[in-house]
Amino acid sequence: MLPIKESDFEHKSVTLDDAKRILQFSVWFLDTESNWDKDHLFAQLKQLAEQMGYKLRDFLFPLFIAIAGTNQTVSVMDSMSILGPDMSRARLRHAVNLLGGPSKKEAKRWEKEFRDVVAGIE
């Protein structure tokens, strides 16, 4: 795992709670993804960002930190494609845990919200 810390996720437009939510939804979403082609990942995550109500650049910020350890790197989709599904998912889960993960109450609410969000994705 990368030596990331909570402060790495600080961003002007994305709160730490937003980052945690984005990462958790991305984990759930990518757990069902079998096509790990970078263009497909981009299209899918773009739709997830739109359904969650985030600008793509803001949505991708916590993913950059979780996957690459910095936001100044090659495309996060390229990194995910190179790392593959197992390592990418592990890094995303690690980041969620680092940020404290959702509480039980949050997790229940988020799971319902996630189902609604995914229902809006083609």
PDB file of N, CA and C in Angstrom:
ATOM      1  N   MET A   1       0.823  -1.182   0.000  1.00  0.00           N
ATOM      2  CA  MET A   1       0.000   0.000   0.000  1.00  0.00           C
ATOM      3  C   MET A   1       0.872   1.252   0.000  1.00  0.00           C
ATOM      4  N   LEU A   2       0.297   2.295  -0.498  1.00  0.00           N
ATOM      5  CA  LEU A   2       1.021   3.566  -0.574  1.00  0.00           C
ATOM      6  C   LEU A   2       1.057   4.254   0.793  1.00  0.00           C
ATOM      7  N   PRO A   3       2.106   5.027   1.046  1.00  0.00           N
ATOM      8  CA  PRO A   3       2.197   5.740   2.332  1.00  0.00           C
ATOM      9  C   PRO A   3       1.371   7.030   2.315  1.00  0.00           C
ATOM     10  N   ILE A   4       0.063   6.888   2.190  1.00  0.00           N
ATOM     11  CA  ILE A   4      -0.816   8.058   2.161  1.00  0.00           C
ATOM     12  C   ILE A   4      -1.346   8.327   3.565  1.00  0.00           C
ATOM     13  N   LYS A   5      -1.775   9.564   3.765  1.00  0.00           N
ATOM     14  CA  LYS A   5      -2.356   9.936   5.055  1.00  0.00           C
ATOM     15  C   LYS A   5      -3.616  10.759   4.803  1.00  0.00           C
ATOM     16  N   GLU A   6      -4.415  10.923   5.835  1.00  0.00           N
ATOM     17  CA  GLU A   6      -5.694  11.621   5.709  1.00  0.00           C
ATOM     18  C   GLU A   6      -5.528  13.006   5.095  1.00  0.00           C
ATOM     19  N   SER A   7      -4.498  13.730   5.483  1.00  0.00           N
ATOM     20  CA  SER A   7      -4.300  15.098   4.981  1.00  0.00           C
ATOM     21  C   SER A   7      -4.055  15.137   3.468  1.00  0.00           C
ATOM     22  N   ASP A   8      -3.636  14.036   2.873  1.00  0.00           N
ATOM     23  CA  ASP A   8      -3.448  13.987   1.422  1.00  0.00           C
ATOM     24  C   ASP A   8      -4.771  14.165   0.677  1.00  0.00           C
ATOM     25  N   PHE A   9      -5.876  13.887   1.351  1.00  0.00           N
ATOM     26  CA  PHE A   9      -7.191  13.959   0.716  1.00  0.00           C
ATOM     27  C   PHE A   9      -7.841  15.334   0.853  1.00  0.00           C
ATOM     28  N   GLU A  10      -7.139  16.287   1.487  1.00  0.00           N
ATOM     29  CA  GLU A  10      -7.687  17.634   1.630  1.00  0.00           C
ATOM     30  C   GLU A  10      -7.716  18.310   0.270  1.00  0.00           C
ATOM     31  N   HIS A  11      -8.861  18.938  -0.020  1.00  0.00           N
ATOM     32  CA  HIS A  11      -9.102  19.523  -1.345  1.00  0.00           C
ATOM     33  C   HIS A  11     -10.054  20.690  -1.176  1.00  0.00           C
ATOM     34  N   LYS A  12      -9.928  21.693  -2.031  1.00  0.00           N
ATOM     35  CA  LYS A  12     -10.772  22.885  -1.897  1.00  0.00           C
ATOM     36  C   LYS A  12     -12.249  22.619  -2.179  1.00  0.00           C
ATOM     37  N   SER A  13     -12.549  21.631  -3.008  1.00  0.00           N
ATOM     38  CA  SER A  13     -13.939  21.372  -3.397  1.00  0.00           C
ATOM     39  C   SER A  13     -14.502  20.063  -2.864  1.00  0.00           C
ATOM     40  N   VAL A  14     -13.660  19.241  -2.268  1.00  0.00           N
ATOM     41  CA  VAL A  14     -14.089  17.920  -1.799  1.00  0.00           C
ATOM     42  C   VAL A  14     -13.724  17.785  -0.319  1.00  0.00           C
ATOM     43  N   THR A  15     -14.742  17.653   0.534  1.00  0.00           N
ATOM     44  CA  THR A  15     -14.477  17.462   1.955  1.00  0.00           C
ATOM     45  C   THR A  15     -13.965  16.041   2.188  1.00  0.00           C
ATOM     46  N   LEU A  16     -13.443  15.795   3.370  1.00  0.00           N
ATOM     47  CA  LEU A  16     -12.995  14.432   3.689  1.00  0.00           C
ATOM     48  C   LEU A  16     -14.176  13.466   3.675  1.00  0.00           C
ATOM     49  N   ASP A  17     -15.344  13.911   4.122  1.00  0.00           N
ATOM     50  CA  ASP A  17     -16.534  13.053   4.056  1.00  0.00           C
ATOM     51  C   ASP A  17     -16.921  12.761   2.614  1.00  0.00           C
ATOM     52  N   ASP A  18     -16.822  13.780   1.746  1.00  0.00           N
ATOM     53  CA  ASP A  18     -17.084  13.562   0.316  1.00  0.00           C
ATOM     54  C   ASP A  18     -16.095  12.543  -0.250  1.00  0.00           C
ATOM     55  N   ALA A  19     -14.821  12.712   0.098  1.00  0.00           N
ATOM     56  CA  ALA A  19     -13.793  11.797  -0.408  1.00  0.00           C
ATOM     57  C   ALA A  19     -14.084  10.371   0.035  1.00  0.00           C
ATOM     58  N   LYS A  20     -14.457  10.212   1.285  1.00  0.00           N
ATOM     59  CA  LYS A  20     -14.764   8.875   1.824  1.00  0.00           C
ATOM     60  C   LYS A  20     -15.956   8.268   1.069  1.00  0.00           C
ATOM     61  N   ARG A  21     -16.969   9.077   0.834  1.00  0.00           N
ATOM     62  CA  ARG A  21     -18.171   8.619   0.116  1.00  0.00           C
ATOM     63  C   ARG A  21     -17.834   8.258  -1.335  1.00  0.00           C
ATOM     64  N   ILE A  22     -17.073   9.119  -2.003  1.00  0.00           N
ATOM     65  CA  ILE A  22     -16.661   8.861  -3.389  1.00  0.00           C
ATOM     66  C   ILE A  22     -15.876   7.557  -3.467  1.00  0.00           C
ATOM     67  N   LEU A  23     -14.937   7.381  -2.561  1.00  0.00           N
ATOM     68  CA  LEU A  23     -14.121   6.167  -2.567  1.00  0.00           C
ATOM     69  C   LEU A  23     -14.962   4.926  -2.295  1.00  0.00           C
ATOM     70  N   GLN A  24     -15.864   5.000  -1.313  1.00  0.00           N
ATOM     71  CA  GLN A  24     -16.691   3.838  -0.984  1.00  0.00           C
ATOM     72  C   GLN A  24     -17.608   3.470  -2.146  1.00  0.00           C
ATOM     73  N   PHE A  25     -18.247   4.462  -2.756  1.00  0.00           N
ATOM     74  CA  PHE A  25     -19.111   4.198  -3.903  1.00  0.00           C
ATOM     75  C   PHE A  25     -18.290   3.615  -5.060  1.00  0.00           C
ATOM     76  N   SER A  26     -17.075   4.117  -5.246  1.00  0.00           N
ATOM     77  CA  SER A  26     -16.206   3.604  -6.312  1.00  0.00           C
ATOM     78  C   SER A  26     -15.829   2.152  -6.054  1.00  0.00           C
ATOM     79  N   VAL A  27     -15.543   1.817  -4.801  1.00  0.00           N
ATOM     80  CA  VAL A  27     -15.231   0.426  -4.448  1.00  0.00           C
ATOM     81  C   VAL A  27     -16.420  -0.462  -4.794  1.00  0.00           C
ATOM     82  N   TRP A  28     -17.591  -0.098  -4.315  1.00  0.00           N
ATOM     83  CA  TRP A  28     -18.783  -0.908  -4.596  1.00  0.00           C
ATOM     84  C   TRP A  28     -19.029  -1.030  -6.092  1.00  0.00           C
ATOM     85  N   PHE A  29     -18.863   0.086  -6.803  1.00  0.00           N
ATOM     86  CA  PHE A  29     -19.106   0.106  -8.239  1.00  0.00           C
ATOM     87  C   PHE A  29     -18.097  -0.775  -8.974  1.00  0.00           C
ATOM     88  N   LEU A  30     -16.831  -0.646  -8.615  1.00  0.00           N
ATOM     89  CA  LEU A  30     -15.781  -1.397  -9.314  1.00  0.00           C
ATOM     90  C   LEU A  30     -15.732  -2.862  -8.904  1.00  0.00           C
ATOM     91  N   ASP A  31     -16.332  -3.204  -7.770  1.00  0.00           N
ATOM     92  CA  ASP A  31     -16.400  -4.612  -7.366  1.00  0.00           C
ATOM     93  C   ASP A  31     -17.181  -5.446  -8.377  1.00  0.00           C
ATOM     94  N   THR A  32     -18.076  -4.818  -9.105  1.00  0.00           N
ATOM     95  CA  THR A  32     -18.894  -5.549 -10.082  1.00  0.00           C
ATOM     96  C   THR A  32     -18.359  -5.393 -11.509  1.00  0.00           C
ATOM     97  N   GLU A  33     -17.268  -4.650 -11.653  1.00  0.00           N
ATOM     98  CA  GLU A  33     -16.729  -4.369 -12.984  1.00  0.00           C
ATOM     99  C   GLU A  33     -15.756  -5.456 -13.423  1.00  0.00           C
ATOM    100  N   SER A  34     -15.984  -5.989 -14.611  1.00  0.00           N
ATOM    101  CA  SER A  34     -15.085  -7.019 -15.135  1.00  0.00           C
ATOM    102  C   SER A  34     -14.201  -6.483 -16.262  1.00  0.00           C
ATOM    103  N   ASN A  35     -14.645  -5.427 -16.930  1.00  0.00           N
ATOM    104  CA  ASN A  35     -13.875  -4.834 -18.021  1.00  0.00           C
ATOM    105  C   ASN A  35     -12.947  -3.775 -17.425  1.00  0.00           C
ATOM    106  N   TRP A  36     -11.655  -4.022 -17.434  1.00  0.00           N
ATOM    107  CA  TRP A  36     -10.689  -3.138 -16.798  1.00  0.00           C
ATOM    108  C   TRP A  36      -9.924  -2.302 -17.823  1.00  0.00           C
ATOM    109  N   ASP A  37     -10.483  -2.127 -19.013  1.00  0.00           N
ATOM    110  CA  ASP A  37      -9.910  -1.268 -20.044  1.00  0.00           C
ATOM    111  C   ASP A  37     -10.037   0.182 -19.589  1.00  0.00           C
ATOM    112  N   LYS A  38      -8.978   0.976 -19.768  1.00  0.00           N
ATOM    113  CA  LYS A  38      -8.975   2.344 -19.242  1.00  0.00           C
ATOM    114  C   LYS A  38     -10.107   3.206 -19.803  1.00  0.00           C
ATOM    115  N   ASP A  39     -10.441   3.053 -21.076  1.00  0.00           N
ATOM    116  CA  ASP A  39     -11.528   3.851 -21.656  1.00  0.00           C
ATOM    117  C   ASP A  39     -12.878   3.458 -21.061  1.00  0.00           C
ATOM    118  N   HIS A  40     -13.064   2.177 -20.835  1.00  0.00           N
ATOM    119  CA  HIS A  40     -14.303   1.704 -20.218  1.00  0.00           C
ATOM    120  C   HIS A  40     -14.390   2.190 -18.772  1.00  0.00           C
ATOM    121  N   LEU A  41     -13.285   2.083 -18.027  1.00  0.00           N
ATOM    122  CA  LEU A  41     -13.271   2.567 -16.645  1.00  0.00           C
ATOM    123  C   LEU A  41     -13.600   4.050 -16.598  1.00  0.00           C
ATOM    124  N   PHE A  42     -13.013   4.815 -17.510  1.00  0.00           N
ATOM    125  CA  PHE A  42     -13.278   6.250 -17.555  1.00  0.00           C
ATOM    126  C   PHE A  42     -14.758   6.526 -17.781  1.00  0.00           C
ATOM    127  N   ALA A  43     -15.342   5.854 -18.768  1.00  0.00           N
ATOM    128  CA  ALA A  43     -16.758   6.064 -19.080  1.00  0.00           C
ATOM    129  C   ALA A  43     -17.647   5.704 -17.886  1.00  0.00           C
ATOM    130  N   GLN A  44     -17.330   4.594 -17.238  1.00  0.00           N
ATOM    131  CA  GLN A  44     -18.135   4.145 -16.096  1.00  0.00           C
ATOM    132  C   GLN A  44     -18.006   5.098 -14.904  1.00  0.00           C
ATOM    133  N   LEU A  45     -16.783   5.488 -14.583  1.00  0.00           N
ATOM    134  CA  LEU A  45     -16.580   6.376 -13.439  1.00  0.00           C
ATOM    135  C   LEU A  45     -17.115   7.779 -13.721  1.00  0.00           C
ATOM    136  N   LYS A  46     -17.072   8.192 -14.970  1.00  0.00           N
ATOM    137  CA  LYS A  46     -17.660   9.491 -15.339  1.00  0.00           C
ATOM    138  C   LYS A  46     -19.166   9.466 -15.074  1.00  0.00           C
ATOM    139  N   GLN A  47     -19.822   8.381 -15.452  1.00  0.00           N
ATOM    140  CA  GLN A  47     -21.258   8.259 -15.193  1.00  0.00           C
ATOM    141  C   GLN A  47     -21.541   8.228 -13.686  1.00  0.00           C
ATOM    142  N   LEU A  48     -20.701   7.536 -12.933  1.00  0.00           N
ATOM    143  CA  LEU A  48     -20.875   7.485 -11.482  1.00  0.00           C
ATOM    144  C   LEU A  48     -20.745   8.889 -10.896  1.00  0.00           C
ATOM    145  N   ALA A  49     -19.748   9.635 -11.336  1.00  0.00           N
ATOM    146  CA  ALA A  49     -19.553  11.009 -10.856  1.00  0.00           C
ATOM    147  C   ALA A  49     -20.779  11.865 -11.148  1.00  0.00           C
ATOM    148  N   GLU A  50     -21.284  11.754 -12.362  1.00  0.00           N
ATOM    149  CA  GLU A  50     -22.465  12.536 -12.747  1.00  0.00           C
ATOM    150  C   GLU A  50     -23.674  12.163 -11.897  1.00  0.00           C
ATOM    151  N   GLN A  51     -23.892  10.871 -11.697  1.00  0.00           N
ATOM    152  CA  GLN A  51     -25.034  10.422 -10.903  1.00  0.00           C
ATOM    153  C   GLN A  51     -24.907  10.844  -9.442  1.00  0.00           C
ATOM    154  N   MET A  52     -23.685  10.961  -8.956  1.00  0.00           N
ATOM    155  CA  MET A  52     -23.463  11.383  -7.573  1.00  0.00           C
ATOM    156  C   MET A  52     -23.479  12.900  -7.435  1.00  0.00           C
ATOM    157  N   GLY A  53     -23.468  13.615  -8.566  1.00  0.00           N
ATOM    158  CA  GLY A  53     -23.540  15.074  -8.539  1.00  0.00           C
ATOM    159  C   GLY A  53     -22.205  15.786  -8.390  1.00  0.00           C
ATOM    160  N   TYR A  54     -21.116  15.133  -8.804  1.00  0.00           N
ATOM    161  CA  TYR A  54     -19.788  15.746  -8.711  1.00  0.00           C
ATOM    162  C   TYR A  54     -19.259  16.076 -10.094  1.00  0.00           C
ATOM    163  N   LYS A  55     -18.469  17.155 -10.170  1.00  0.00           N
ATOM    164  CA  LYS A  55     -17.693  17.413 -11.378  1.00  0.00           C
ATOM    165  C   LYS A  55     -16.658  16.294 -11.461  1.00  0.00           C
ATOM    166  N   LEU A  56     -16.345  15.869 -12.665  1.00  0.00           N
ATOM    167  CA  LEU A  56     -15.435  14.734 -12.836  1.00  0.00           C
ATOM    168  C   LEU A  56     -14.086  14.980 -12.171  1.00  0.00           C
ATOM    169  N   ARG A  57     -13.540  16.177 -12.333  1.00  0.00           N
ATOM    170  CA  ARG A  57     -12.212  16.456 -11.764  1.00  0.00           C
ATOM    171  C   ARG A  57     -12.242  16.354 -10.244  1.00  0.00           C
ATOM    172  N   ASP A  58     -13.330  16.827  -9.603  1.00  0.00           N
ATOM    173  CA  ASP A  58     -13.455  16.725  -8.147  1.00  0.00           C
ATOM    174  C   ASP A  58     -13.651  15.277  -7.711  1.00  0.00           C
ATOM    175  N   PHE A  59     -14.452  14.544  -8.467  1.00  0.00           N
ATOM    176  CA  PHE A  59     -14.714  13.137  -8.179  1.00  0.00           C
ATOM    177  C   PHE A  59     -13.433  12.306  -8.245  1.00  0.00           C
ATOM    178  N   LEU A  60     -12.605  12.590  -9.242  1.00  0.00           N
ATOM    179  CA  LEU A  60     -11.397  11.791  -9.453  1.00  0.00           C
ATOM    180  C   LEU A  60     -10.281  12.105  -8.468  1.00  0.00           C
ATOM    181  N   PHE A  61     -10.313  13.284  -7.822  1.00  0.00           N
ATOM    182  CA  PHE A  61      -9.227  13.658  -6.917  1.00  0.00           C
ATOM    183  C   PHE A  61      -8.934  12.582  -5.865  1.00  0.00           C
ATOM    184  N   PRO A  62      -9.936  12.116  -5.083  1.00  0.00           N
ATOM    185  CA  PRO A  62      -9.604  11.090  -4.085  1.00  0.00           C
ATOM    186  C   PRO A  62      -9.143   9.768  -4.708  1.00  0.00           C
ATOM    187  N   LEU A  63      -9.586   9.474  -5.922  1.00  0.00           N
ATOM    188  CA  LEU A  63      -9.130   8.256  -6.593  1.00  0.00           C
ATOM    189  C   LEU A  63      -7.654   8.370  -6.957  1.00  0.00           C
ATOM    190  N   PHE A  64      -7.234   9.560  -7.423  1.00  0.00           N
ATOM    191  CA  PHE A  64      -5.820   9.782  -7.727  1.00  0.00           C
ATOM    192  C   PHE A  64      -4.974   9.529  -6.483  1.00  0.00           C
ATOM    193  N   ILE A  65      -5.392  10.077  -5.347  1.00  0.00           N
ATOM    194  CA  ILE A  65      -4.628   9.922  -4.111  1.00  0.00           C
ATOM    195  C   ILE A  65      -4.588   8.449  -3.709  1.00  0.00           C
ATOM    196  N   ALA A  66      -5.732   7.780  -3.754  1.00  0.00           N
ATOM    197  CA  ALA A  66      -5.807   6.374  -3.340  1.00  0.00           C
ATOM    198  C   ALA A  66      -4.997   5.462  -4.247  1.00  0.00           C
ATOM    199  N   ILE A  67      -5.041   5.700  -5.542  1.00  0.00           N
ATOM    200  CA  ILE A  67      -4.391   4.812  -6.516  1.00  0.00           C
ATOM    201  C   ILE A  67      -2.918   5.141  -6.705  1.00  0.00           C
ATOM    202  N   ALA A  68      -2.586   6.451  -6.809  1.00  0.00           N
ATOM    203  CA  ALA A  68      -1.213   6.835  -7.143  1.00  0.00           C
ATOM    204  C   ALA A  68      -0.462   7.521  -5.996  1.00  0.00           C
ATOM    205  N   GLY A  69      -1.190   7.948  -4.969  1.00  0.00           N
ATOM    206  CA  GLY A  69      -0.540   8.631  -3.855  1.00  0.00           C
ATOM    207  C   GLY A  69      -0.365  10.120  -4.070  1.00  0.00           C
ATOM    208  N   THR A  70      -0.744  10.610  -5.238  1.00  0.00           N
ATOM    209  CA  THR A  70      -0.630  12.023  -5.580  1.00  0.00           C
ATOM    210  C   THR A  70      -1.658  12.350  -6.647  1.00  0.00           C
ATOM    211  N   ASN A  71      -1.952  13.645  -6.789  1.00  0.00           N
ATOM    212  CA  ASN A  71      -2.870  14.030  -7.865  1.00  0.00           C
ATOM    213  C   ASN A  71      -2.107  14.500  -9.093  1.00  0.00           C
ATOM    214  N   GLN A  72      -0.787  14.438  -9.047  1.00  0.00           N
ATOM    215  CA  GLN A  72       0.039  14.852 -10.175  1.00  0.00           C
ATOM    216  C   GLN A  72       0.716  13.635 -10.776  1.00  0.00           C
ATOM    217  N   THR A  73      -0.039  12.921 -11.583  1.00  0.00           N
ATOM    218  CA  THR A  73       0.453  11.679 -12.161  1.00  0.00           C
ATOM    219  C   THR A  73      -0.246  11.448 -13.498  1.00  0.00           C
ATOM    220  N   VAL A  74       0.065  10.365 -14.137  1.00  0.00           N
ATOM    221  CA  VAL A  74      -0.639   9.993 -15.361  1.00  0.00           C
ATOM    222  C   VAL A  74      -2.102   9.761 -15.029  1.00  0.00           C
ATOM    223  N   SER A  75      -2.909   9.606 -16.002  1.00  0.00           N
ATOM    224  CA  SER A  75      -4.335   9.369 -15.802  1.00  0.00           C
ATOM    225  C   SER A  75      -4.564   8.271 -14.770  1.00  0.00           C
ATOM    226  N   VAL A  76      -5.511   8.520 -13.879  1.00  0.00           N
ATOM    227  CA  VAL A  76      -5.828   7.506 -12.875  1.00  0.00           C
ATOM    228  C   VAL A  76      -6.360   6.240 -13.545  1.00  0.00           C
ATOM    229  N   MET A  77      -7.014   6.400 -14.694  1.00  0.00           N
ATOM    230  CA  MET A  77      -7.510   5.225 -15.424  1.00  0.00           C
ATOM    231  C   MET A  77      -6.351   4.391 -15.967  1.00  0.00           C
ATOM    232  N   ASP A  78      -5.294   5.080 -16.458  1.00  0.00           N
ATOM    233  CA  ASP A  78      -4.109   4.360 -16.907  1.00  0.00           C
ATOM    234  C   ASP A  78      -3.491   3.590 -15.741  1.00  0.00           C
ATOM    235  N   SER A  79      -3.380   4.277 -14.603  1.00  0.00           N
ATOM    236  CA  SER A  79      -2.804   3.628 -13.417  1.00  0.00           C
ATOM    237  C   SER A  79      -3.615   2.413 -13.005  1.00  0.00           C
ATOM    238  N   MET A  80      -4.938   2.557 -12.995  1.00  0.00           N
ATOM    239  CA  MET A  80      -5.809   1.440 -12.604  1.00  0.00           C
ATOM    240  C   MET A  80      -5.691   0.289 -13.595  1.00  0.00           C
ATOM    241  N   SER A  81      -5.602   0.618 -14.869  1.00  0.00           N
ATOM    242  CA  SER A  81      -5.481  -0.408 -15.894  1.00  0.00           C
ATOM    243  C   SER A  81      -4.160  -1.165 -15.741  1.00  0.00           C
ATOM    244  N   ILE A  82      -3.103  -0.439 -15.423  1.00  0.00           N
ATOM    245  CA  ILE A  82      -1.786  -1.063 -15.235  1.00  0.00           C
ATOM    246  C   ILE A  82      -1.771  -1.906 -13.955  1.00  0.00           C
ATOM    247  N   LEU A  83      -2.296  -1.345 -12.859  1.00  0.00           N
ATOM    248  CA  LEU A  83      -2.305  -2.064 -11.580  1.00  0.00           C
ATOM    249  C   LEU A  83      -3.204  -3.292 -11.614  1.00  0.00           C
ATOM    250  N   GLY A  84      -4.276  -3.193 -12.385  1.00  0.00           N
ATOM    251  CA  GLY A  84      -5.246  -4.280 -12.463  1.00  0.00           C
ATOM    252  C   GLY A  84      -6.308  -4.160 -11.389  1.00  0.00           C
ATOM    253  N   PRO A  85      -7.350  -4.964 -11.494  1.00  0.00           N
ATOM    254  CA  PRO A  85      -8.485  -4.832 -10.586  1.00  0.00           C
ATOM    255  C   PRO A  85      -8.162  -5.137  -9.124  1.00  0.00           C
ATOM    256  N   ASP A  86      -7.389  -6.158  -8.853  1.00  0.00           N
ATOM    257  CA  ASP A  86      -7.137  -6.532  -7.458  1.00  0.00           C
ATOM    258  C   ASP A  86      -6.381  -5.449  -6.698  1.00  0.00           C
ATOM    259  N   MET A  87      -5.290  -4.957  -7.258  1.00  0.00           N
ATOM    260  CA  MET A  87      -4.493  -3.930  -6.580  1.00  0.00           C
ATOM    261  C   MET A  87      -5.247  -2.602  -6.523  1.00  0.00           C
ATOM    262  N   SER A  88      -5.963  -2.263  -7.586  1.00  0.00           N
ATOM    263  CA  SER A  88      -6.730  -1.002  -7.594  1.00  0.00           C
ATOM    264  C   SER A  88      -7.799  -1.026  -6.506  1.00  0.00           C
ATOM    265  N   ARG A  89      -8.538  -2.108  -6.442  1.00  0.00           N
ATOM    266  CA  ARG A  89      -9.581  -2.222  -5.416  1.00  0.00           C
ATOM    267  C   ARG A  89      -8.976  -2.217  -4.017  1.00  0.00           C
ATOM    268  N   ALA A  90      -7.851  -2.875  -3.841  1.00  0.00           N
ATOM    269  CA  ALA A  90      -7.194  -2.906  -2.533  1.00  0.00           C
ATOM    270  C   ALA A  90      -6.760  -1.506  -2.111  1.00  0.00           C
ATOM    271  N   ARG A  91      -6.224  -0.730  -3.039  1.00  0.00           N
ATOM    272  CA  ARG A  91      -5.796   0.633  -2.710  1.00  0.00           C
ATOM    273  C   ARG A  91      -6.996   1.518  -2.385  1.00  0.00           C
ATOM    274  N   LEU A  92      -8.084   1.342  -3.101  1.00  0.00           N
ATOM    275  CA  LEU A  92      -9.297   2.124  -2.811  1.00  0.00           C
ATOM    276  C   LEU A  92      -9.843   1.766  -1.425  1.00  0.00           C
ATOM    277  N   ARG A  93      -9.884   0.483  -1.121  1.00  0.00           N
ATOM    278  CA  ARG A  93     -10.363   0.043   0.205  1.00  0.00           C
ATOM    279  C   ARG A  93      -9.454   0.560   1.315  1.00  0.00           C
ATOM    280  N   HIS A  94      -8.155   0.520   1.073  1.00  0.00           N
ATOM    281  CA  HIS A  94      -7.186   1.037   2.040  1.00  0.00           C
ATOM    282  C   HIS A  94      -7.466   2.518   2.318  1.00  0.00           C
ATOM    283  N   ALA A  95      -7.751   3.287   1.274  1.00  0.00           N
ATOM    284  CA  ALA A  95      -8.033   4.717   1.431  1.00  0.00           C
ATOM    285  C   ALA A  95      -9.324   4.942   2.218  1.00  0.00           C
ATOM    286  N   VAL A  96     -10.351   4.148   1.938  1.00  0.00           N
ATOM    287  CA  VAL A  96     -11.607   4.254   2.694  1.00  0.00           C
ATOM    288  C   VAL A  96     -11.334   3.990   4.172  1.00  0.00           C
ATOM    289  N   ASN A  97     -10.589   2.949   4.460  1.00  0.00           N
ATOM    290  CA  ASN A  97     -10.257   2.616   5.851  1.00  0.00           C
ATOM    291  C   ASN A  97      -9.413   3.707   6.503  1.00  0.00           C
ATOM    292  N   LEU A  98      -8.489   4.268   5.755  1.00  0.00           N
ATOM    293  CA  LEU A  98      -7.647   5.347   6.262  1.00  0.00           C
ATOM    294  C   LEU A  98      -8.490   6.554   6.679  1.00  0.00           C
ATOM    295  N   LEU A  99      -9.541   6.817   5.914  1.00  0.00           N
ATOM    296  CA  LEU A  99     -10.426   7.949   6.215  1.00  0.00           C
ATOM    297  C   LEU A  99     -11.485   7.596   7.263  1.00  0.00           C
ATOM    298  N   GLY A 100     -11.416   6.401   7.802  1.00  0.00           N
ATOM    299  CA  GLY A 100     -12.321   6.011   8.880  1.00  0.00           C
ATOM    300  C   GLY A 100     -13.503   5.178   8.442  1.00  0.00           C
ATOM    301  N   GLY A 101     -13.702   5.023   7.143  1.00  0.00           N
ATOM    302  CA  GLY A 101     -14.822   4.223   6.650  1.00  0.00           C
ATOM    303  C   GLY A 101     -16.149   4.777   7.122  1.00  0.00           C
ATOM    304  N   PRO A 102     -17.233   4.308   6.555  1.00  0.00           N
ATOM    305  CA  PRO A 102     -18.548   4.784   6.992  1.00  0.00           C
ATOM    306  C   PRO A 102     -18.950   4.138   8.315  1.00  0.00           C
ATOM    307  N   SER A 103     -19.693   4.890   9.112  1.00  0.00           N
ATOM    308  CA  SER A 103     -20.269   4.303  10.325  1.00  0.00           C
ATOM    309  C   SER A 103     -21.333   3.305   9.880  1.00  0.00           C
ATOM    310  N   LYS A 104     -21.836   2.494  10.805  1.00  0.00           N
ATOM    311  CA  LYS A 104     -22.874   1.523  10.431  1.00  0.00           C
ATOM    312  C   LYS A 104     -24.101   2.230   9.887  1.00  0.00           C
ATOM    313  N   LYS A 105     -24.468   3.333  10.523  1.00  0.00           N
ATOM    314  CA  LYS A 105     -25.638   4.106  10.083  1.00  0.00           C
ATOM    315  C   LYS A 105     -25.383   4.706   8.695  1.00  0.00           C
ATOM    316  N   GLU A 106     -24.186   5.260   8.500  1.00  0.00           N
ATOM    317  CA  GLU A 106     -23.813   5.809   7.196  1.00  0.00           C
ATOM    318  C   GLU A 106     -23.806   4.729   6.135  1.00  0.00           C
ATOM    319  N   ALA A 107     -23.249   3.579   6.458  1.00  0.00           N
ATOM    320  CA  ALA A 107     -23.146   2.485   5.491  1.00  0.00           C
ATOM    321  C   ALA A 107     -24.530   2.067   5.000  1.00  0.00           C
ATOM    322  N   LYS A 108     -25.487   1.964   5.907  1.00  0.00           N
ATOM    323  CA  LYS A 108     -26.853   1.590   5.493  1.00  0.00           C
ATOM    324  C   LYS A 108     -27.441   2.644   4.568  1.00  0.00           C
ATOM    325  N   ARG A 109     -27.257   3.921   4.935  1.00  0.00           N
ATOM    326  CA  ARG A 109     -27.790   5.021   4.121  1.00  0.00           C
ATOM    327  C   ARG A 109     -27.091   5.058   2.765  1.00  0.00           C
ATOM    328  N   TRP A 110     -25.758   4.888   2.793  1.00  0.00           N
ATOM    329  CA  TRP A 110     -24.997   4.914   1.552  1.00  0.00           C
ATOM    330  C   TRP A 110     -25.341   3.749   0.637  1.00  0.00           C
ATOM    331  N   GLU A 111     -25.576   2.566   1.202  1.00  0.00           N
ATOM    332  CA  GLU A 111     -25.930   1.410   0.375  1.00  0.00           C
ATOM    333  C   GLU A 111     -27.222   1.661  -0.380  1.00  0.00           C
ATOM    334  N   LYS A 112     -28.195   2.262   0.287  1.00  0.00           N
ATOM    335  CA  LYS A 112     -29.464   2.594  -0.380  1.00  0.00           C
ATOM    336  C   LYS A 112     -29.220   3.652  -1.462  1.00  0.00           C
ATOM    337  N   GLU A 113     -28.472   4.675  -1.105  1.00  0.00           N
ATOM    338  CA  GLU A 113     -28.160   5.731  -2.073  1.00  0.00           C
ATOM    339  C   GLU A 113     -27.379   5.168  -3.255  1.00  0.00           C
ATOM    340  N   PHE A 114     -26.449   4.267  -2.983  1.00  0.00           N
ATOM    341  CA  PHE A 114     -25.655   3.654  -4.047  1.00  0.00           C
ATOM    342  C   PHE A 114     -26.545   2.896  -5.026  1.00  0.00           C
ATOM    343  N   ARG A 115     -27.492   2.133  -4.495  1.00  0.00           N
ATOM    344  CA  ARG A 115     -28.414   1.394  -5.385  1.00  0.00           C
ATOM    345  C   ARG A 115     -29.180   2.358  -6.291  1.00  0.00           C
ATOM    346  N   ASP A 116     -29.614   3.494  -5.735  1.00  0.00           N
ATOM    347  CA  ASP A 116     -30.327   4.496  -6.526  1.00  0.00           C
ATOM    348  C   ASP A 116     -29.413   5.122  -7.584  1.00  0.00           C
ATOM    349  N   VAL A 117     -28.178   5.396  -7.206  1.00  0.00           N
ATOM    350  CA  VAL A 117     -27.209   5.993  -8.139  1.00  0.00           C
ATOM    351  C   VAL A 117     -26.919   5.025  -9.285  1.00  0.00           C
ATOM    352  N   VAL A 118     -26.656   3.780  -8.953  1.00  0.00           N
ATOM    353  CA  VAL A 118     -26.317   2.787  -9.976  1.00  0.00           C
ATOM    354  C   VAL A 118     -27.508   2.530 -10.910  1.00  0.00           C
ATOM    355  N   ALA A 119     -28.708   2.643 -10.398  1.00  0.00           N
ATOM    356  CA  ALA A 119     -29.891   2.447 -11.237  1.00  0.00           C
ATOM    357  C   ALA A 119     -29.954   3.487 -12.352  1.00  0.00           C
ATOM    358  N   GLY A 120     -29.329   4.649 -12.148  1.00  0.00           N
ATOM    359  CA  GLY A 120     -29.322   5.700 -13.158  1.00  0.00           C
ATOM    360  C   GLY A 120     -28.194   5.586 -14.171  1.00  0.00           C
ATOM    361  N   ILE A 121     -27.343   4.572 -14.018  1.00  0.00           N
ATOM    362  CA  ILE A 121     -26.207   4.377 -14.936  1.00  0.00           C
ATOM    363  C   ILE A 121     -26.563   3.322 -15.971  1.00  0.00           C
ATOM    364  N   GLU A 122     -26.240   3.643 -17.202  1.00  0.00           N
ATOM    365  CA  GLU A 122     -26.571   2.715 -18.313  1.00  0.00           C
ATOM    366  C   GLU A 122     -25.755   1.466 -18.266  1.00  0.00           C
TER     367      GLU A 122
END
